[in-house]
Amino acid sequence: MSCNTSLMNSWHSFSPNGRWLVFSSKSRSPYTQMFLTHIDADGRDTPPILIENSTASNRAVNIPSL
């Protein structure tokens, strides 16, 4: 997937309709941050978008299962 980053991507979860993927990554920080990407009908994904203010220096992102 083109939304894949080079550093620690993990804890992914799909939306109920399968069109959105949320995942955590350390691509921009030593702490995990949450990212969101859209997947179109042909399986192409958009560049990942950072979900801001979802973490702080004293905690990591934990993405629940849908």
N, C-alpha and C. Protein backbone atom coordinates (compact mmCIF):
# COMPACT_ATOMS: atom_id res chain seq x y z
N MET A 1 0.83 -1.17 0.00
CA MET A 1 0.00 0.00 0.00
C MET A 1 0.88 1.24 0.00
N SER A 2 0.46 2.25 -0.71
CA SER A 2 1.27 3.47 -0.77
C SER A 2 1.24 4.25 0.54
N CYS A 3 0.25 4.00 1.40
CA CYS A 3 0.19 4.70 2.69
C CYS A 3 1.22 4.15 3.68
N ASN A 4 1.85 3.04 3.35
CA ASN A 4 2.83 2.42 4.23
C ASN A 4 4.01 3.36 4.46
N THR A 5 4.44 3.47 5.70
CA THR A 5 5.61 4.29 6.02
C THR A 5 6.77 3.39 6.38
N SER A 6 7.94 3.93 6.46
CA SER A 6 9.14 3.11 6.65
C SER A 6 9.39 2.68 8.09
N LEU A 7 8.71 3.29 9.05
CA LEU A 7 8.96 2.98 10.46
C LEU A 7 7.72 2.46 11.17
N MET A 8 7.82 1.32 11.74
CA MET A 8 6.83 0.71 12.62
C MET A 8 5.38 1.10 12.39
N ASN A 9 4.75 0.45 11.46
CA ASN A 9 3.31 0.57 11.27
C ASN A 9 2.67 -0.64 11.93
N SER A 10 1.67 -0.43 12.76
CA SER A 10 1.07 -1.55 13.46
C SER A 10 -0.34 -1.22 13.90
N TRP A 11 -0.97 -2.17 14.49
CA TRP A 11 -2.30 -2.02 15.08
C TRP A 11 -3.29 -1.39 14.12
N HIS A 12 -3.45 -2.02 12.97
CA HIS A 12 -4.38 -1.49 11.98
C HIS A 12 -5.79 -2.01 12.22
N SER A 13 -6.75 -1.28 11.73
CA SER A 13 -8.16 -1.66 11.83
C SER A 13 -8.90 -1.05 10.64
N PHE A 14 -9.83 -1.82 10.07
CA PHE A 14 -10.64 -1.34 8.94
C PHE A 14 -11.99 -0.86 9.44
N SER A 15 -12.56 0.10 8.72
CA SER A 15 -13.93 0.55 9.00
C SER A 15 -14.89 -0.58 8.62
N PRO A 16 -16.13 -0.53 9.11
CA PRO A 16 -17.09 -1.59 8.76
C PRO A 16 -17.32 -1.77 7.26
N ASN A 17 -17.22 -0.68 6.48
CA ASN A 17 -17.42 -0.81 5.03
C ASN A 17 -16.13 -1.14 4.28
N GLY A 18 -15.01 -1.26 5.00
CA GLY A 18 -13.74 -1.63 4.38
C GLY A 18 -13.07 -0.54 3.57
N ARG A 19 -13.58 0.68 3.61
CA ARG A 19 -13.04 1.78 2.80
C ARG A 19 -12.04 2.65 3.55
N TRP A 20 -11.94 2.50 4.87
CA TRP A 20 -11.03 3.31 5.67
C TRP A 20 -10.13 2.40 6.48
N LEU A 21 -8.87 2.77 6.58
CA LEU A 21 -7.90 2.02 7.37
C LEU A 21 -7.24 2.98 8.35
N VAL A 22 -7.25 2.62 9.61
CA VAL A 22 -6.55 3.40 10.63
C VAL A 22 -5.39 2.55 11.12
N PHE A 23 -4.24 3.18 11.36
CA PHE A 23 -3.08 2.43 11.85
C PHE A 23 -2.20 3.36 12.66
N SER A 24 -1.37 2.77 13.50
CA SER A 24 -0.41 3.57 14.26
C SER A 24 0.95 3.46 13.61
N SER A 25 1.76 4.50 13.78
CA SER A 25 3.08 4.54 13.17
C SER A 25 4.00 5.43 13.98
N LYS A 26 5.30 5.13 13.88
CA LYS A 26 6.34 5.98 14.48
C LYS A 26 7.10 6.73 13.40
N SER A 27 6.46 6.97 12.26
CA SER A 27 7.16 7.60 11.14
C SER A 27 7.51 9.05 11.38
N ARG A 28 6.80 9.75 12.27
CA ARG A 28 7.06 11.17 12.51
C ARG A 28 7.48 11.47 13.95
N SER A 29 7.54 10.46 14.79
CA SER A 29 7.76 10.70 16.22
C SER A 29 8.32 9.42 16.85
N PRO A 30 9.02 9.54 17.97
CA PRO A 30 9.44 8.33 18.68
C PRO A 30 8.25 7.64 19.37
N TYR A 31 7.12 8.32 19.40
CA TYR A 31 5.89 7.78 19.98
C TYR A 31 4.93 7.42 18.86
N THR A 32 4.09 6.43 19.10
CA THR A 32 3.12 6.06 18.08
C THR A 32 2.10 7.17 17.88
N GLN A 33 1.73 7.37 16.64
CA GLN A 33 0.69 8.34 16.27
C GLN A 33 -0.32 7.62 15.38
N MET A 34 -1.55 8.09 15.36
CA MET A 34 -2.60 7.46 14.60
C MET A 34 -2.76 8.12 13.23
N PHE A 35 -2.87 7.29 12.20
CA PHE A 35 -3.02 7.75 10.82
C PHE A 35 -4.26 7.11 10.20
N LEU A 36 -4.83 7.79 9.22
CA LEU A 36 -6.03 7.33 8.54
C LEU A 36 -5.80 7.41 7.03
N THR A 37 -6.27 6.40 6.30
CA THR A 37 -6.20 6.41 4.84
C THR A 37 -7.52 5.89 4.28
N HIS A 38 -7.89 6.37 3.10
CA HIS A 38 -9.10 5.90 2.42
C HIS A 38 -8.69 4.92 1.33
N ILE A 39 -9.50 3.88 1.14
CA ILE A 39 -9.25 2.88 0.10
C ILE A 39 -10.42 2.92 -0.87
N ASP A 40 -10.12 3.17 -2.16
CA ASP A 40 -11.21 3.29 -3.13
C ASP A 40 -11.67 1.92 -3.63
N ALA A 41 -12.65 1.92 -4.51
CA ALA A 41 -13.24 0.67 -5.01
C ALA A 41 -12.25 -0.20 -5.76
N ASP A 42 -11.17 0.40 -6.28
CA ASP A 42 -10.14 -0.35 -6.99
C ASP A 42 -8.99 -0.78 -6.09
N GLY A 43 -9.10 -0.51 -4.79
CA GLY A 43 -8.06 -0.92 -3.84
C GLY A 43 -6.92 0.06 -3.69
N ARG A 44 -7.02 1.24 -4.30
CA ARG A 44 -5.96 2.24 -4.16
C ARG A 44 -6.18 3.03 -2.89
N ASP A 45 -5.10 3.30 -2.18
CA ASP A 45 -5.20 4.04 -0.92
C ASP A 45 -4.63 5.45 -1.08
N THR A 46 -5.12 6.35 -0.25
CA THR A 46 -4.65 7.73 -0.25
C THR A 46 -3.43 7.86 0.65
N PRO A 47 -2.68 8.95 0.52
CA PRO A 47 -1.58 9.19 1.45
C PRO A 47 -2.13 9.23 2.88
N PRO A 48 -1.37 8.72 3.85
CA PRO A 48 -1.88 8.71 5.23
C PRO A 48 -2.01 10.11 5.80
N ILE A 49 -3.07 10.31 6.57
CA ILE A 49 -3.33 11.59 7.23
C ILE A 49 -3.16 11.38 8.73
N LEU A 50 -2.37 12.22 9.34
CA LEU A 50 -2.17 12.16 10.79
C LEU A 50 -3.43 12.62 11.50
N ILE A 51 -3.88 11.85 12.48
CA ILE A 51 -4.99 12.27 13.33
C ILE A 51 -4.34 13.00 14.51
N GLU A 52 -4.36 14.31 14.44
CA GLU A 52 -3.67 15.13 15.42
C GLU A 52 -4.30 15.06 16.80
N ASN A 53 -3.49 15.36 17.80
CA ASN A 53 -3.92 15.40 19.20
C ASN A 53 -4.46 14.06 19.71
N SER A 54 -4.02 12.97 19.10
CA SER A 54 -4.47 11.65 19.56
C SER A 54 -3.44 10.99 20.47
N THR A 55 -2.34 11.68 20.73
CA THR A 55 -1.31 11.13 21.61
C THR A 55 -0.56 12.27 22.29
N ALA A 56 0.24 11.92 23.26
CA ALA A 56 1.07 12.90 23.98
C ALA A 56 2.38 12.21 24.35
N SER A 57 3.33 12.97 24.84
CA SER A 57 4.65 12.40 25.14
C SER A 57 4.61 11.37 26.26
N ASN A 58 3.52 11.33 27.03
CA ASN A 58 3.44 10.36 28.13
C ASN A 58 2.51 9.18 27.84
N ARG A 59 2.06 9.02 26.60
CA ARG A 59 1.21 7.88 26.27
C ARG A 59 1.29 7.58 24.77
N ALA A 60 0.95 6.35 24.42
CA ALA A 60 0.95 5.91 23.04
C ALA A 60 -0.48 5.70 22.55
N VAL A 61 -0.63 5.62 21.26
CA VAL A 61 -1.94 5.39 20.65
C VAL A 61 -2.25 3.90 20.71
N ASN A 62 -3.46 3.58 21.09
CA ASN A 62 -3.94 2.21 21.08
C ASN A 62 -5.22 2.20 20.27
N ILE A 63 -5.22 1.51 19.14
CA ILE A 63 -6.36 1.49 18.24
C ILE A 63 -7.23 0.28 18.56
N PRO A 64 -8.46 0.50 18.96
CA PRO A 64 -9.33 -0.64 19.29
C PRO A 64 -9.80 -1.37 18.03
N SER A 65 -10.17 -2.62 18.18
CA SER A 65 -10.75 -3.39 17.08
C SER A 65 -12.16 -2.90 16.82
N LEU A 66 -12.56 -2.89 15.56
CA LEU A 66 -13.93 -2.48 15.23
C LEU A 66 -14.85 -3.67 15.25
